[in-house]
């Protein structure tokens, strides 16, 4: 008979790891975006105008 408890724990562990990896990737991408904004607009000037241009 299969050990369902062991299978469940393996599945749960792998899903948890995947979620953590996705969250880390999202955080890294957000930090990269903020760093790019800091490089392009070091004093925050024109940032609002830049964001409005993107939305149009």
N, C-alpha and C. Protein backbone atom coordinates (compact mmCIF):
# COMPACT_ATOMS: atom_id res chain seq x y z
N UNK A 1 0.84 -1.17 0.00
CA UNK A 1 0.00 0.00 0.00
C UNK A 1 0.89 1.25 0.00
N UNK A 2 0.56 2.24 -0.85
CA UNK A 2 1.37 3.45 -0.91
C UNK A 2 1.34 4.22 0.41
N UNK A 3 2.44 4.84 0.70
CA UNK A 3 2.54 5.67 1.91
C UNK A 3 2.07 7.08 1.54
N UNK A 4 0.75 7.31 1.68
CA UNK A 4 0.17 8.58 1.26
C UNK A 4 0.68 9.76 2.09
N UNK A 5 0.96 9.50 3.35
CA UNK A 5 1.48 10.57 4.20
C UNK A 5 2.83 11.06 3.66
N UNK A 6 3.68 10.14 3.29
CA UNK A 6 4.99 10.50 2.75
C UNK A 6 4.83 11.24 1.41
N UNK A 7 3.93 10.76 0.57
CA UNK A 7 3.68 11.42 -0.71
C UNK A 7 3.15 12.84 -0.51
N UNK A 8 2.23 13.00 0.43
CA UNK A 8 1.66 14.30 0.73
C UNK A 8 2.74 15.26 1.22
N UNK A 9 3.59 14.80 2.12
CA UNK A 9 4.65 15.67 2.65
C UNK A 9 5.64 16.07 1.56
N UNK A 10 5.94 15.16 0.67
CA UNK A 10 6.84 15.48 -0.46
C UNK A 10 6.21 16.54 -1.35
N UNK A 11 4.95 16.34 -1.69
CA UNK A 11 4.24 17.29 -2.54
C UNK A 11 4.15 18.66 -1.85
N UNK A 12 3.77 18.67 -0.59
CA UNK A 12 3.65 19.92 0.16
C UNK A 12 4.99 20.65 0.21
N UNK A 13 6.05 19.92 0.47
CA UNK A 13 7.38 20.52 0.56
C UNK A 13 7.79 21.14 -0.78
N UNK A 14 7.57 20.42 -1.86
CA UNK A 14 7.95 20.93 -3.18
C UNK A 14 7.12 22.15 -3.57
N UNK A 15 5.83 22.14 -3.26
CA UNK A 15 4.98 23.28 -3.57
C UNK A 15 5.41 24.49 -2.74
N UNK A 16 5.72 24.28 -1.47
CA UNK A 16 6.18 25.36 -0.61
C UNK A 16 7.47 25.96 -1.14
N UNK A 17 8.41 25.11 -1.56
CA UNK A 17 9.66 25.60 -2.13
C UNK A 17 9.42 26.42 -3.40
N UNK A 18 8.50 25.97 -4.23
CA UNK A 18 8.19 26.67 -5.47
C UNK A 18 7.59 28.04 -5.18
N UNK A 19 6.68 28.11 -4.23
CA UNK A 19 6.08 29.39 -3.86
C UNK A 19 7.15 30.35 -3.34
N UNK A 20 8.04 29.85 -2.50
CA UNK A 20 9.12 30.69 -1.97
C UNK A 20 10.02 31.18 -3.08
N UNK A 21 10.32 30.33 -4.06
CA UNK A 21 11.16 30.73 -5.19
C UNK A 21 10.48 31.81 -6.02
N UNK A 22 9.17 31.67 -6.25
CA UNK A 22 8.43 32.68 -6.99
C UNK A 22 8.39 34.01 -6.25
N UNK A 23 8.20 33.96 -4.93
CA UNK A 23 8.20 35.19 -4.14
C UNK A 23 9.56 35.87 -4.19
N UNK A 24 10.62 35.09 -4.12
CA UNK A 24 11.98 35.64 -4.20
C UNK A 24 12.22 36.27 -5.56
N UNK A 25 11.77 35.61 -6.63
CA UNK A 25 11.93 36.16 -7.98
C UNK A 25 11.18 37.48 -8.11
N UNK A 26 9.98 37.55 -7.55
CA UNK A 26 9.20 38.79 -7.60
C UNK A 26 9.92 39.90 -6.84
N UNK A 27 10.42 39.60 -5.66
CA UNK A 27 11.13 40.60 -4.87
C UNK A 27 12.38 41.09 -5.60
N UNK A 28 13.11 40.16 -6.22
CA UNK A 28 14.31 40.54 -6.96
C UNK A 28 13.96 41.45 -8.13
N UNK A 29 12.88 41.13 -8.85
CA UNK A 29 12.46 41.95 -9.98
C UNK A 29 12.03 43.34 -9.52
N UNK A 30 11.32 43.40 -8.39
CA UNK A 30 10.90 44.70 -7.86
C UNK A 30 12.11 45.54 -7.46
N UNK A 31 13.10 44.92 -6.85
CA UNK A 31 14.31 45.65 -6.48
C UNK A 31 15.07 46.13 -7.71
N UNK A 32 15.12 45.30 -8.75
CA UNK A 32 15.78 45.71 -9.99
C UNK A 32 15.07 46.91 -10.60
N UNK A 33 13.74 46.89 -10.59
CA UNK A 33 12.96 48.01 -11.12
C UNK A 33 13.26 49.29 -10.35
N UNK A 34 13.25 49.19 -9.02
CA UNK A 34 13.52 50.37 -8.20
C UNK A 34 14.93 50.90 -8.42
N UNK A 35 15.89 49.98 -8.57
CA UNK A 35 17.27 50.40 -8.85
C UNK A 35 17.36 51.12 -10.19
N UNK A 36 16.63 50.62 -11.20
CA UNK A 36 16.64 51.27 -12.51
C UNK A 36 16.03 52.67 -12.43
N UNK A 37 14.96 52.80 -11.65
CA UNK A 37 14.35 54.13 -11.48
C UNK A 37 15.31 55.07 -10.78
N UNK A 38 16.03 54.56 -9.79
CA UNK A 38 17.00 55.40 -9.07
C UNK A 38 18.12 55.86 -10.00
N UNK A 39 18.53 54.98 -10.92
CA UNK A 39 19.60 55.35 -11.86
C UNK A 39 19.12 56.39 -12.87
N UNK A 40 17.88 56.20 -13.36
CA UNK A 40 17.37 57.11 -14.38
C UNK A 40 16.88 58.42 -13.78
N UNK A 41 16.36 58.37 -12.57
CA UNK A 41 15.82 59.55 -11.90
C UNK A 41 16.39 59.63 -10.49
N UNK A 42 17.66 59.98 -10.35
CA UNK A 42 18.32 59.93 -9.04
C UNK A 42 17.67 60.78 -7.96
N UNK A 43 17.06 61.89 -8.32
CA UNK A 43 16.42 62.76 -7.33
C UNK A 43 14.91 62.62 -7.35
N UNK A 44 14.39 61.66 -8.09
CA UNK A 44 12.95 61.48 -8.17
C UNK A 44 12.27 62.44 -9.12
N UNK A 45 13.07 63.35 -9.73
CA UNK A 45 12.47 64.33 -10.63
C UNK A 45 11.98 63.67 -11.91
N UNK A 46 10.91 64.16 -12.41
CA UNK A 46 10.30 63.70 -13.66
C UNK A 46 9.80 62.25 -13.59
N UNK A 47 9.84 61.63 -12.44
CA UNK A 47 9.39 60.24 -12.33
C UNK A 47 7.90 60.14 -12.59
N UNK A 48 7.12 61.08 -12.05
CA UNK A 48 5.67 61.04 -12.26
C UNK A 48 5.34 61.24 -13.73
N UNK A 49 6.02 62.15 -14.40
CA UNK A 49 5.79 62.37 -15.82
C UNK A 49 6.17 61.13 -16.61
N UNK A 50 7.26 60.49 -16.23
CA UNK A 50 7.71 59.29 -16.92
C UNK A 50 6.67 58.18 -16.79
N UNK A 51 6.13 57.98 -15.58
CA UNK A 51 5.12 56.95 -15.37
C UNK A 51 3.85 57.25 -16.16
N UNK A 52 3.46 58.52 -16.27
CA UNK A 52 2.28 58.88 -17.04
C UNK A 52 2.48 58.59 -18.52
N UNK A 53 3.69 58.82 -19.02
CA UNK A 53 3.98 58.55 -20.43
C UNK A 53 3.86 57.06 -20.74
N UNK A 54 4.22 56.22 -19.81
CA UNK A 54 4.14 54.78 -20.01
C UNK A 54 2.69 54.32 -20.12
N UNK A 55 1.82 54.89 -19.31
CA UNK A 55 0.42 54.47 -19.27
C UNK A 55 -0.32 54.84 -20.54
N UNK A 56 0.11 55.86 -21.26
CA UNK A 56 -0.61 56.30 -22.45
C UNK A 56 -0.43 55.39 -23.61
